[in-house]
Amino acid sequence: VPAVSRGYDGGKKINGGRRHVITDSLGLVLMVLVTAANITDRQAAR
């Protein structure tokens, strides 16, 4: 996987990507975004 699409998640010590998911109260998917692992939930939510 190209380095530009990877990041380091310091909290989980993972070098890779992150799947951000927004669901409804039943757990049904509303939206998905895949980013580098160093992108936080807050940054993705923006």
ModelCIF file with pLDDT and N, C-alpha, C, O atoms, coordinates in Angstrom:
data_MODEL
#
_entry.id   MODEL 
#
_entity.id                         1 
_entity.type                       polymer 
_entity.pdbx_number_of_molecules   1 
#
_entity_poly.entity_id                      1 
_entity_poly.type                           'polypeptide(L)' 
_entity_poly.nstd_linkage                   no 
_entity_poly.nstd_monomer                   no 
_entity_poly.pdbx_seq_one_letter_code       VPAVSRGYDGGKKINGGRRHVITDSLGLVLMVLVTAANITDRQAAR 
_entity_poly.pdbx_seq_one_letter_code_can   VPAVSRGYDGGKKINGGRRHVITDSLGLVLMVLVTAANITDRQAAR 
_entity_poly.pdbx_strand_id                 A 
#
loop_
_entity_poly_seq.entity_id 
_entity_poly_seq.num 
_entity_poly_seq.mon_id 
_entity_poly_seq.hetero 
1 1  VAL n 
1 2  PRO n 
1 3  ALA n 
1 4  VAL n 
1 5  SER n 
1 6  ARG n 
1 7  GLY n 
1 8  TYR n 
1 9  ASP n 
1 10 GLY n 
1 11 GLY n 
1 12 LYS n 
1 13 LYS n 
1 14 ILE n 
1 15 ASN n 
1 16 GLY n 
1 17 GLY n 
1 18 ARG n 
1 19 ARG n 
1 20 HIS n 
1 21 VAL n 
1 22 ILE n 
1 23 THR n 
1 24 ASP n 
1 25 SER n 
1 26 LEU n 
1 27 GLY n 
1 28 LEU n 
1 29 VAL n 
1 30 LEU n 
1 31 MET n 
1 32 VAL n 
1 33 LEU n 
1 34 VAL n 
1 35 THR n 
1 36 ALA n 
1 37 ALA n 
1 38 ASN n 
1 39 ILE n 
1 40 THR n 
1 41 ASP n 
1 42 ARG n 
1 43 GLN n 
1 44 ALA n 
1 45 ALA n 
1 46 ARG n 
#
_struct_asym.id          A 
_struct_asym.entity_id   1 
#
loop_
_ma_qa_metric.id 
_ma_qa_metric.mode 
_ma_qa_metric.name 
_ma_qa_metric.software_group_id 
_ma_qa_metric.type 
1 global pLDDT . pLDDT 
2 local  pLDDT . pLDDT 
#
_ma_qa_metric_global.metric_id      1 
_ma_qa_metric_global.metric_value   85.39 
_ma_qa_metric_global.model_id       1 
_ma_qa_metric_global.ordinal_id     1 
#
loop_
_ma_qa_metric_local.label_asym_id 
_ma_qa_metric_local.label_comp_id 
_ma_qa_metric_local.label_seq_id 
_ma_qa_metric_local.metric_id 
_ma_qa_metric_local.metric_value 
_ma_qa_metric_local.model_id 
_ma_qa_metric_local.ordinal_id 
A VAL 1  2 78.00 1 1  
A PRO 2  2 79.00 1 2  
A ALA 3  2 76.00 1 3  
A VAL 4  2 77.00 1 4  
A SER 5  2 77.00 1 5  
A ARG 6  2 81.00 1 6  
A GLY 7  2 82.00 1 7  
A TYR 8  2 79.00 1 8  
A ASP 9  2 78.00 1 9  
A GLY 10 2 74.00 1 10 
A GLY 11 2 78.00 1 11 
A LYS 12 2 77.00 1 12 
A LYS 13 2 81.00 1 13 
A ILE 14 2 81.00 1 14 
A ASN 15 2 82.00 1 15 
A GLY 16 2 85.00 1 16 
A GLY 17 2 86.00 1 17 
A ARG 18 2 89.00 1 18 
A ARG 19 2 89.00 1 19 
A HIS 20 2 92.00 1 20 
A VAL 21 2 91.00 1 21 
A ILE 22 2 90.00 1 22 
A THR 23 2 90.00 1 23 
A ASP 24 2 89.00 1 24 
A SER 25 2 86.00 1 25 
A LEU 26 2 91.00 1 26 
A GLY 27 2 91.00 1 27 
A LEU 28 2 92.00 1 28 
A VAL 29 2 91.00 1 29 
A LEU 30 2 92.00 1 30 
A MET 31 2 91.00 1 31 
A VAL 32 2 91.00 1 32 
A LEU 33 2 92.00 1 33 
A VAL 34 2 90.00 1 34 
A THR 35 2 89.00 1 35 
A ALA 36 2 88.00 1 36 
A ALA 37 2 86.00 1 37 
A ASN 38 2 86.00 1 38 
A ILE 39 2 86.00 1 39 
A THR 40 2 85.00 1 40 
A ASP 41 2 83.00 1 41 
A ARG 42 2 85.00 1 42 
A GLN 43 2 88.00 1 43 
A ALA 44 2 89.00 1 44 
A ALA 45 2 87.00 1 45 
A ARG 46 2 88.00 1 46 
#
loop_
_atom_site.group_PDB 
_atom_site.id 
_atom_site.type_symbol 
_atom_site.label_atom_id 
_atom_site.label_alt_id 
_atom_site.label_comp_id 
_atom_site.label_asym_id 
_atom_site.label_entity_id 
_atom_site.label_seq_id 
_atom_site.pdbx_PDB_ins_code 
_atom_site.Cartn_x 
_atom_site.Cartn_y 
_atom_site.Cartn_z 
_atom_site.occupancy 
_atom_site.B_iso_or_equiv 
_atom_site.pdbx_formal_charge 
_atom_site.auth_seq_id 
_atom_site.auth_comp_id 
_atom_site.auth_asym_id 
_atom_site.auth_atom_id 
_atom_site.pdbx_PDB_model_num 
ATOM 1   N N  . VAL A 1 1  ? 0.856   -1.187 0.000  1.00 78.00 ? 1  VAL A N  1 
ATOM 2   C CA . VAL A 1 1  ? 0.000   0.000  0.000  1.00 78.00 ? 1  VAL A CA 1 
ATOM 3   C C  . VAL A 1 1  ? 0.892   1.238  0.000  1.00 78.00 ? 1  VAL A C  1 
ATOM 4   O O  . VAL A 1 1  ? 1.797   1.339  0.828  1.00 78.00 ? 1  VAL A O  1 
ATOM 5   N N  . PRO A 1 2  ? 0.655   2.184  -0.915 1.00 79.00 ? 2  PRO A N  1 
ATOM 6   C CA . PRO A 1 2  ? 1.507   3.376  -0.995 1.00 79.00 ? 2  PRO A CA 1 
ATOM 7   C C  . PRO A 1 2  ? 1.539   4.153  0.321  1.00 79.00 ? 2  PRO A C  1 
ATOM 8   O O  . PRO A 1 2  ? 0.527   4.243  1.017  1.00 79.00 ? 2  PRO A O  1 
ATOM 9   N N  . ALA A 1 3  ? 2.688   4.705  0.656  1.00 76.00 ? 3  ALA A N  1 
ATOM 10  C CA . ALA A 1 3  ? 2.875   5.431  1.912  1.00 76.00 ? 3  ALA A CA 1 
ATOM 11  C C  . ALA A 1 3  ? 1.962   6.651  2.015  1.00 76.00 ? 3  ALA A C  1 
ATOM 12  O O  . ALA A 1 3  ? 1.591   7.042  3.122  1.00 76.00 ? 3  ALA A O  1 
ATOM 13  N N  . VAL A 1 4  ? 1.591   7.262  0.883  1.00 77.00 ? 4  VAL A N  1 
ATOM 14  C CA . VAL A 1 4  ? 0.734   8.451  0.924  1.00 77.00 ? 4  VAL A CA 1 
ATOM 15  C C  . VAL A 1 4  ? -0.673  8.137  1.415  1.00 77.00 ? 4  VAL A C  1 
ATOM 16  O O  . VAL A 1 4  ? -1.367  9.029  1.903  1.00 77.00 ? 4  VAL A O  1 
ATOM 17  N N  . SER A 1 5  ? -1.104  6.885  1.294  1.00 77.00 ? 5  SER A N  1 
ATOM 18  C CA . SER A 1 5  ? -2.455  6.526  1.742  1.00 77.00 ? 5  SER A CA 1 
ATOM 19  C C  . SER A 1 5  ? -2.443  5.841  3.110  1.00 77.00 ? 5  SER A C  1 
ATOM 20  O O  . SER A 1 5  ? -3.486  5.398  3.591  1.00 77.00 ? 5  SER A O  1 
ATOM 21  N N  . ARG A 1 6  ? -1.266  5.752  3.735  1.00 81.00 ? 6  ARG A N  1 
ATOM 22  C CA . ARG A 1 6  ? -1.146  5.156  5.064  1.00 81.00 ? 6  ARG A CA 1 
ATOM 23  C C  . ARG A 1 6  ? -0.824  6.238  6.073  1.00 81.00 ? 6  ARG A C  1 
ATOM 24  O O  . ARG A 1 6  ? -0.367  7.324  5.716  1.00 81.00 ? 6  ARG A O  1 
ATOM 25  N N  . GLY A 1 7  ? -1.067  5.931  7.334  1.00 82.00 ? 7  GLY A N  1 
ATOM 26  C CA . GLY A 1 7  ? -0.714  6.829  8.421  1.00 82.00 ? 7  GLY A CA 1 
ATOM 27  C C  . GLY A 1 7  ? -0.480  6.005  9.666  1.00 82.00 ? 7  GLY A C  1 
ATOM 28  O O  . GLY A 1 7  ? -0.730  4.800  9.675  1.00 82.00 ? 7  GLY A O  1 
ATOM 29  N N  . TYR A 1 8  ? 0.002   6.650  10.722 1.00 79.00 ? 8  TYR A N  1 
ATOM 30  C CA . TYR A 1 8  ? 0.296   5.929  11.955 1.00 79.00 ? 8  TYR A CA 1 
ATOM 31  C C  . TYR A 1 8  ? -0.688  6.352  13.029 1.00 79.00 ? 8  TYR A C  1 
ATOM 32  O O  . TYR A 1 8  ? -0.773  7.531  13.372 1.00 79.00 ? 8  TYR A O  1 
ATOM 33  N N  . ASP A 1 9  ? -1.430  5.393  13.557 1.00 78.00 ? 9  ASP A N  1 
ATOM 34  C CA . ASP A 1 9  ? -2.348  5.622  14.674 1.00 78.00 ? 9  ASP A CA 1 
ATOM 35  C C  . ASP A 1 9  ? -1.559  5.372  15.946 1.00 78.00 ? 9  ASP A C  1 
ATOM 36  O O  . ASP A 1 9  ? -1.342  4.222  16.327 1.00 78.00 ? 9  ASP A O  1 
ATOM 37  N N  . GLY A 1 10 ? -1.127  6.447  16.609 1.00 74.00 ? 10 GLY A N  1 
ATOM 38  C CA . GLY A 1 10 ? -0.292  6.324  17.795 1.00 74.00 ? 10 GLY A CA 1 
ATOM 39  C C  . GLY A 1 10 ? -0.998  5.661  18.963 1.00 74.00 ? 10 GLY A C  1 
ATOM 40  O O  . GLY A 1 10 ? -0.352  4.995  19.772 1.00 74.00 ? 10 GLY A O  1 
ATOM 41  N N  . GLY A 1 11 ? -2.314  5.829  19.070 1.00 78.00 ? 11 GLY A N  1 
ATOM 42  C CA . GLY A 1 11 ? -3.055  5.228  20.173 1.00 78.00 ? 11 GLY A CA 1 
ATOM 43  C C  . GLY A 1 11 ? -3.101  3.717  20.084 1.00 78.00 ? 11 GLY A C  1 
ATOM 44  O O  . GLY A 1 11 ? -3.005  3.027  21.099 1.00 78.00 ? 11 GLY A O  1 
ATOM 45  N N  . LYS A 1 12 ? -3.244  3.206  18.889 1.00 77.00 ? 12 LYS A N  1 
ATOM 46  C CA . LYS A 1 12 ? -3.335  1.756  18.695 1.00 77.00 ? 12 LYS A CA 1 
ATOM 47  C C  . LYS A 1 12 ? -2.051  1.163  18.118 1.00 77.00 ? 12 LYS A C  1 
ATOM 48  O O  . LYS A 1 12 ? -1.936  -0.048 17.924 1.00 77.00 ? 12 LYS A O  1 
ATOM 49  N N  . LYS A 1 13 ? -1.098  2.039  17.850 1.00 81.00 ? 13 LYS A N  1 
ATOM 50  C CA . LYS A 1 13 ? 0.194   1.607  17.300 1.00 81.00 ? 13 LYS A CA 1 
ATOM 51  C C  . LYS A 1 13 ? 0.019   0.791  16.018 1.00 81.00 ? 13 LYS A C  1 
ATOM 52  O O  . LYS A 1 13 ? 0.562   -0.303 15.867 1.00 81.00 ? 13 LYS A O  1 
ATOM 53  N N  . ILE A 1 14 ? -0.755  1.362  15.112 1.00 81.00 ? 14 ILE A N  1 
ATOM 54  C CA . ILE A 1 14 ? -1.023  0.697  13.836 1.00 81.00 ? 14 ILE A CA 1 
ATOM 55  C C  . ILE A 1 14 ? -0.610  1.610  12.691 1.00 81.00 ? 14 ILE A C  1 
ATOM 56  O O  . ILE A 1 14 ? -0.981  2.783  12.653 1.00 81.00 ? 14 ILE A O  1 
ATOM 57  N N  . ASN A 1 15 ? 0.155   1.065  11.765 1.00 82.00 ? 15 ASN A N  1 
ATOM 58  C CA . ASN A 1 15 ? 0.533   1.774  10.552 1.00 82.00 ? 15 ASN A CA 1 
ATOM 59  C C  . ASN A 1 15 ? -0.385  1.274  9.443  1.00 82.00 ? 15 ASN A C  1 
ATOM 60  O O  . ASN A 1 15 ? -0.271  0.122  9.022  1.00 82.00 ? 15 ASN A O  1 
ATOM 61  N N  . GLY A 1 16 ? -1.279  2.108  8.972  1.00 85.00 ? 16 GLY A N  1 
ATOM 62  C CA . GLY A 1 16 ? -2.225  1.662  7.957  1.00 85.00 ? 16 GLY A CA 1 
ATOM 63  C C  . GLY A 1 16 ? -3.302  2.682  7.674  1.00 85.00 ? 16 GLY A C  1 
ATOM 64  O O  . GLY A 1 16 ? -3.028  3.869  7.501  1.00 85.00 ? 16 GLY A O  1 
ATOM 65  N N  . GLY A 1 17 ? -4.527  2.205  7.631  1.00 86.00 ? 17 GLY A N  1 
ATOM 66  C CA . GLY A 1 17 ? -5.659  3.052  7.300  1.00 86.00 ? 17 GLY A CA 1 
ATOM 67  C C  . GLY A 1 17 ? -6.713  3.011  8.391  1.00 86.00 ? 17 GLY A C  1 
ATOM 68  O O  . GLY A 1 17 ? -6.599  2.263  9.362  1.00 86.00 ? 17 GLY A O  1 
ATOM 69  N N  . ARG A 1 18 ? -7.735  3.824  8.214  1.00 89.00 ? 18 ARG A N  1 
ATOM 70  C CA . ARG A 1 18 ? -8.821  3.877  9.184  1.00 89.00 ? 18 ARG A CA 1 
ATOM 71  C C  . ARG A 1 18 ? -10.139 3.970  8.441  1.00 89.00 ? 18 ARG A C  1 
ATOM 72  O O  . ARG A 1 18 ? -10.283 4.737  7.489  1.00 89.00 ? 18 ARG A O  1 
ATOM 73  N N  . ARG A 1 19 ? -11.105 3.172  8.896  1.00 89.00 ? 19 ARG A N  1 
ATOM 74  C CA . ARG A 1 19 ? -12.464 3.210  8.349  1.00 89.00 ? 19 ARG A CA 1 
ATOM 75  C C  . ARG A 1 19 ? -13.337 4.009  9.303  1.00 89.00 ? 19 ARG A C  1 
ATOM 76  O O  . ARG A 1 19 ? -13.529 3.613  10.453 1.00 89.00 ? 19 ARG A O  1 
ATOM 77  N N  . HIS A 1 20 ? -13.863 5.126  8.833  1.00 92.00 ? 20 HIS A N  1 
ATOM 78  C CA . HIS A 1 20 ? -14.784 5.953  9.619  1.00 92.00 ? 20 HIS A CA 1 
ATOM 79  C C  . HIS A 1 20 ? -16.193 5.598  9.151  1.00 92.00 ? 20 HIS A C  1 
ATOM 80  O O  . HIS A 1 20 ? -16.478 5.626  7.954  1.00 92.00 ? 20 HIS A O  1 
ATOM 81  N N  . VAL A 1 21 ? -17.065 5.266  10.087 1.00 91.00 ? 21 VAL A N  1 
ATOM 82  C CA . VAL A 1 21 ? -18.416 4.835  9.743  1.00 91.00 ? 21 VAL A CA 1 
ATOM 83  C C  . VAL A 1 21 ? -19.417 5.653  10.545 1.00 91.00 ? 21 VAL A C  1 
ATOM 84  O O  . VAL A 1 21 ? -19.252 5.852  11.749 1.00 91.00 ? 21 VAL A O  1 
ATOM 85  N N  . ILE A 1 22 ? -20.450 6.121  9.869  1.00 90.00 ? 22 ILE A N  1 
ATOM 86  C CA . ILE A 1 22 ? -21.575 6.767  10.547 1.00 90.00 ? 22 ILE A CA 1 
ATOM 87  C C  . ILE A 1 22 ? -22.775 5.852  10.355 1.00 90.00 ? 22 ILE A C  1 
ATOM 88  O O  . ILE A 1 22 ? -23.128 5.504  9.228  1.00 90.00 ? 22 ILE A O  1 
ATOM 89  N N  . THR A 1 23 ? -23.405 5.461  11.473 1.00 90.00 ? 23 THR A N  1 
ATOM 90  C CA . THR A 1 23 ? -24.569 4.583  11.425 1.00 90.00 ? 23 THR A CA 1 
ATOM 91  C C  . THR A 1 23 ? -25.756 5.258  12.093 1.00 90.00 ? 23 THR A C  1 
ATOM 92  O O  . THR A 1 23 ? -25.610 6.264  12.787 1.00 90.00 ? 23 THR A O  1 
ATOM 93  N N  . ASP A 1 24 ? -26.933 4.688  11.871 1.00 89.00 ? 24 ASP A N  1 
ATOM 94  C CA . ASP A 1 24 ? -28.105 5.152  12.607 1.00 89.00 ? 24 ASP A CA 1 
ATOM 95  C C  . ASP A 1 24 ? -28.166 4.388  13.926 1.00 89.00 ? 24 ASP A C  1 
ATOM 96  O O  . ASP A 1 24 ? -27.250 3.629  14.243 1.00 89.00 ? 24 ASP A O  1 
ATOM 97  N N  . SER A 1 25 ? -29.226 4.580  14.693 1.00 86.00 ? 25 SER A N  1 
ATOM 98  C CA . SER A 1 25 ? -29.317 3.959  16.014 1.00 86.00 ? 25 SER A CA 1 
ATOM 99  C C  . SER A 1 25 ? -29.493 2.444  15.949 1.00 86.00 ? 25 SER A C  1 
ATOM 100 O O  . SER A 1 25 ? -29.312 1.764  16.960 1.00 86.00 ? 25 SER A O  1 
ATOM 101 N N  . LEU A 1 26 ? -29.841 1.902  14.784 1.00 91.00 ? 26 LEU A N  1 
ATOM 102 C CA . LEU A 1 26 ? -29.945 0.457  14.616 1.00 91.00 ? 26 LEU A CA 1 
ATOM 103 C C  . LEU A 1 26 ? -28.646 -0.168 14.127 1.00 91.00 ? 26 LEU A C  1 
ATOM 104 O O  . LEU A 1 26 ? -28.547 -1.389 14.006 1.00 91.00 ? 26 LEU A O  1 
ATOM 105 N N  . GLY A 1 27 ? -27.652 0.669  13.847 1.00 91.00 ? 27 GLY A N  1 
ATOM 106 C CA . GLY A 1 27 ? -26.380 0.169  13.341 1.00 91.00 ? 27 GLY A CA 1 
ATOM 107 C C  . GLY A 1 27 ? -26.341 0.039  11.832 1.00 91.00 ? 27 GLY A C  1 
ATOM 108 O O  . GLY A 1 27 ? -25.422 -0.573 11.286 1.00 91.00 ? 27 GLY A O  1 
ATOM 109 N N  . LEU A 1 28 ? -27.328 0.606  11.147 1.00 92.00 ? 28 LEU A N  1 
ATOM 110 C CA . LEU A 1 28 ? -27.373 0.564  9.686  1.00 92.00 ? 28 LEU A CA 1 
ATOM 111 C C  . LEU A 1 28 ? -26.506 1.688  9.119  1.00 92.00 ? 28 LEU A C  1 
ATOM 112 O O  . LEU A 1 28 ? -26.580 2.827  9.581  1.00 92.00 ? 28 LEU A O  1 
ATOM 113 N N  . VAL A 1 29 ? -25.702 1.372  8.136  1.00 91.00 ? 29 VAL A N  1 
ATOM 114 C CA . VAL A 1 29 ? -24.708 2.305  7.608  1.00 91.00 ? 29 VAL A CA 1 
ATOM 115 C C  . VAL A 1 29 ? -25.368 3.491  6.907  1.00 91.00 ? 29 VAL A C  1 
ATOM 116 O O  . VAL A 1 29 ? -26.257 3.332  6.071  1.00 91.00 ? 29 VAL A O  1 
ATOM 117 N N  . LEU A 1 30 ? -24.900 4.685  7.277  1.00 92.00 ? 30 LEU A N  1 
ATOM 118 C CA . LEU A 1 30 ? -25.318 5.914  6.603  1.00 92.00 ? 30 LEU A CA 1 
ATOM 119 C C  . LEU A 1 30 ? -24.206 6.445  5.706  1.00 92.00 ? 30 LEU A C  1 
ATOM 120 O O  . LEU A 1 30 ? -24.469 6.966  4.622  1.00 92.00 ? 30 LEU A O  1 
ATOM 121 N N  . MET A 1 31 ? -22.944 6.309  6.169  1.00 91.00 ? 31 MET A N  1 
ATOM 122 C CA . MET A 1 31 ? -21.829 6.834  5.394  1.00 91.00 ? 31 MET A CA 1 
ATOM 123 C C  . MET A 1 31 ? -20.532 6.158  5.838  1.00 91.00 ? 31 MET A C  1 
ATOM 124 O O  . MET A 1 31 ? -20.376 5.799  7.005  1.00 91.00 ? 31 MET A O  1 
ATOM 125 N N  . VAL A 1 32 ? -19.601 5.989  4.890  1.00 91.00 ? 32 VAL A N  1 
ATOM 126 C CA . VAL A 1 32 ? -18.294 5.391  5.177  1.00 91.00 ? 32 VAL A CA 1 
ATOM 127 C C  . VAL A 1 32 ? -17.222 6.246  4.506  1.00 91.00 ? 32 VAL A C  1 
ATOM 128 O O  . VAL A 1 32 ? -17.408 6.735  3.392  1.00 91.00 ? 32 VAL A O  1 
ATOM 129 N N  . LEU A 1 33 ? -16.099 6.419  5.202  1.00 92.00 ? 33 LEU A N  1 
ATOM 130 C CA . LEU A 1 33 ? -14.961 7.130  4.643  1.00 92.00 ? 33 LEU A CA 1 
ATOM 131 C C  . LEU A 1 33 ? -13.702 6.386  5.063  1.00 92.00 ? 33 LEU A C  1 
ATOM 132 O O  . LEU A 1 33 ? -13.534 6.078  6.243  1.00 92.00 ? 33 LEU A O  1 
ATOM 133 N N  . VAL A 1 34 ? -12.821 6.094  4.122  1.00 90.00 ? 34 VAL A N  1 
ATOM 134 C CA . VAL A 1 34 ? -11.555 5.424  4.415  1.00 90.00 ? 34 VAL A CA 1 
ATOM 135 C C  . VAL A 1 34 ? -10.444 6.458  4.289  1.00 90.00 ? 34 VAL A C  1 
ATOM 136 O O  . VAL A 1 34 ? -10.316 7.135  3.268  1.00 90.00 ? 34 VAL A O  1 
ATOM 137 N N  . THR A 1 35 ? -9.643  6.567  5.350  1.00 89.00 ? 35 THR A N  1 
ATOM 138 C CA . THR A 1 35 ? -8.543  7.538  5.381  1.00 89.00 ? 35 THR A CA 1 
ATOM 139 C C  . THR A 1 35 ? -7.278  6.867  5.887  1.00 89.00 ? 35 THR A C  1 
ATOM 140 O O  . THR A 1 35 ? -7.277  5.680  6.214  1.00 89.00 ? 35 THR A O  1 
ATOM 141 N N  . ALA A 1 36 ? -6.208  7.637  5.948  1.00 88.00 ? 36 ALA A N  1 
ATOM 142 C CA . ALA A 1 36 ? -4.979  7.173  6.590  1.00 88.00 ? 36 ALA A CA 1 
ATOM 143 C C  . ALA A 1 36 ? -5.258  7.044  8.086  1.00 88.00 ? 36 ALA A C  1 
ATOM 144 O O  . ALA A 1 36 ? -6.148  7.719  8.606  1.00 88.00 ? 36 ALA A O  1 
ATOM 145 N N  . ALA A 1 37 ? -4.513  6.190  8.782  1.00 86.00 ? 37 ALA A N  1 
ATOM 146 C CA . ALA A 1 37 ? -4.790  5.899  10.190 1.00 86.00 ? 37 ALA A CA 1 
ATOM 147 C C  . ALA A 1 37 ? -4.560  7.091  11.117 1.00 86.00 ? 37 ALA A C  1 
ATOM 148 O O  . ALA A 1 37 ? -5.095  7.111  12.225 1.00 86.00 ? 37 ALA A O  1 
ATOM 149 N N  . ASN A 1 38 ? -3.788  8.072  10.698 1.00 86.00 ? 38 ASN A N  1 
ATOM 150 C CA . ASN A 1 38 ? -3.523  9.217  11.565 1.00 86.00 ? 38 ASN A CA 1 
ATOM 151 C C  . ASN A 1 38 ? -4.654  10.248 11.547 1.00 86.00 ? 38 ASN A C  1 
ATOM 152 O O  . ASN A 1 38 ? -4.571  11.244 12.266 1.00 86.00 ? 38 ASN A O  1 
ATOM 153 N N  . ILE A 1 39 ? -5.694  10.045 10.760 1.00 86.00 ? 39 ILE A N  1 
ATOM 154 C CA . ILE A 1 39 ? -6.848  10.949 10.726 1.00 86.00 ? 39 ILE A CA 1 
ATOM 155 C C  . ILE A 1 39 ? -7.807  10.553 11.849 1.00 86.00 ? 39 ILE A C  1 
ATOM 156 O O  . ILE A 1 39 ? -8.256  9.409  11.908 1.00 86.00 ? 39 ILE A O  1 
ATOM 157 N N  . THR A 1 40 ? -8.118  11.492 12.734 1.00 85.00 ? 40 THR A N  1 
ATOM 158 C CA . THR A 1 40 ? -8.982  11.196 13.875 1.00 85.00 ? 40 THR A CA 1 
ATOM 159 C C  . THR A 1 40 ? -10.460 11.236 13.477 1.00 85.00 ? 40 THR A C  1 
ATOM 160 O O  . THR A 1 40 ? -10.809 11.706 12.394 1.00 85.00 ? 40 THR A O  1 
ATOM 161 N N  . ASP A 1 41 ? -11.319 10.737 14.366 1.00 83.00 ? 41 ASP A N  1 
ATOM 162 C CA . ASP A 1 41 ? -12.769 10.798 14.124 1.00 83.00 ? 41 ASP A CA 1 
ATOM 163 C C  . ASP A 1 41 ? -13.212 12.247 13.939 1.00 83.00 ? 41 ASP A C  1 
ATOM 164 O O  . ASP A 1 41 ? -14.021 12.555 13.064 1.00 83.00 ? 41 ASP A O  1 
ATOM 165 N N  . ARG A 1 42 ? -12.681 13.113 14.758 1.00 85.00 ? 42 ARG A N  1 
ATOM 166 C CA . ARG A 1 42 ? -13.068 14.525 14.693 1.00 85.00 ? 42 ARG A CA 1 
ATOM 167 C C  . ARG A 1 42 ? -12.705 15.134 13.337 1.00 85.00 ? 42 ARG A C  1 
ATOM 168 O O  . ARG A 1 42 ? -13.512 15.847 12.739 1.00 85.00 ? 42 ARG A O  1 
ATOM 169 N N  . GLN A 1 43 ? -11.493 14.852 12.851 1.00 88.00 ? 43 GLN A N  1 
ATOM 170 C CA . GLN A 1 43 ? -11.073 15.380 11.552 1.00 88.00 ? 43 GLN A CA 1 
ATOM 171 C C  . GLN A 1 43 ? -11.930 14.807 10.429 1.00 88.00 ? 43 GLN A C  1 
ATOM 172 O O  . GLN A 1 43 ? -12.329 15.535 9.520  1.00 88.00 ? 43 GLN A O  1 
ATOM 173 N N  . ALA A 1 44 ? -12.213 13.525 10.485 1.00 89.00 ? 44 ALA A N  1 
ATOM 174 C CA . ALA A 1 44 ? -13.052 12.904 9.454  1.00 89.00 ? 44 ALA A CA 1 
ATOM 175 C C  . ALA A 1 44 ? -14.467 13.457 9.511  1.00 89.00 ? 44 ALA A C  1 
ATOM 176 O O  . ALA A 1 44 ? -15.102 13.653 8.475  1.00 89.00 ? 44 ALA A O  1 
ATOM 177 N N  . ALA A 1 45 ? -14.963 13.708 10.716 1.00 87.00 ? 45 ALA A N  1 
ATOM 178 C CA . ALA A 1 45 ? -16.330 14.212 10.873 1.00 87.00 ? 45 ALA A CA 1 
ATOM 179 C C  . ALA A 1 45 ? -16.501 15.582 10.229 1.00 87.00 ? 45 ALA A C  1 
ATOM 180 O O  . ALA A 1 45 ? -17.584 15.905 9.739  1.00 87.00 ? 45 ALA A O  1 
ATOM 181 N N  . ARG A 1 46 ? -15.461 16.378 10.226 1.00 88.00 ? 46 ARG A N  1 
ATOM 182 C CA . ARG A 1 46 ? -15.551 17.712 9.605  1.00 88.00 ? 46 ARG A CA 1 
ATOM 183 C C  . ARG A 1 46 ? -15.906 17.628 8.126  1.00 88.00 ? 46 ARG A C  1 
ATOM 184 O O  . ARG A 1 46 ? -16.020 18.657 7.459  1.00 88.00 ? 46 ARG A O  1 
#
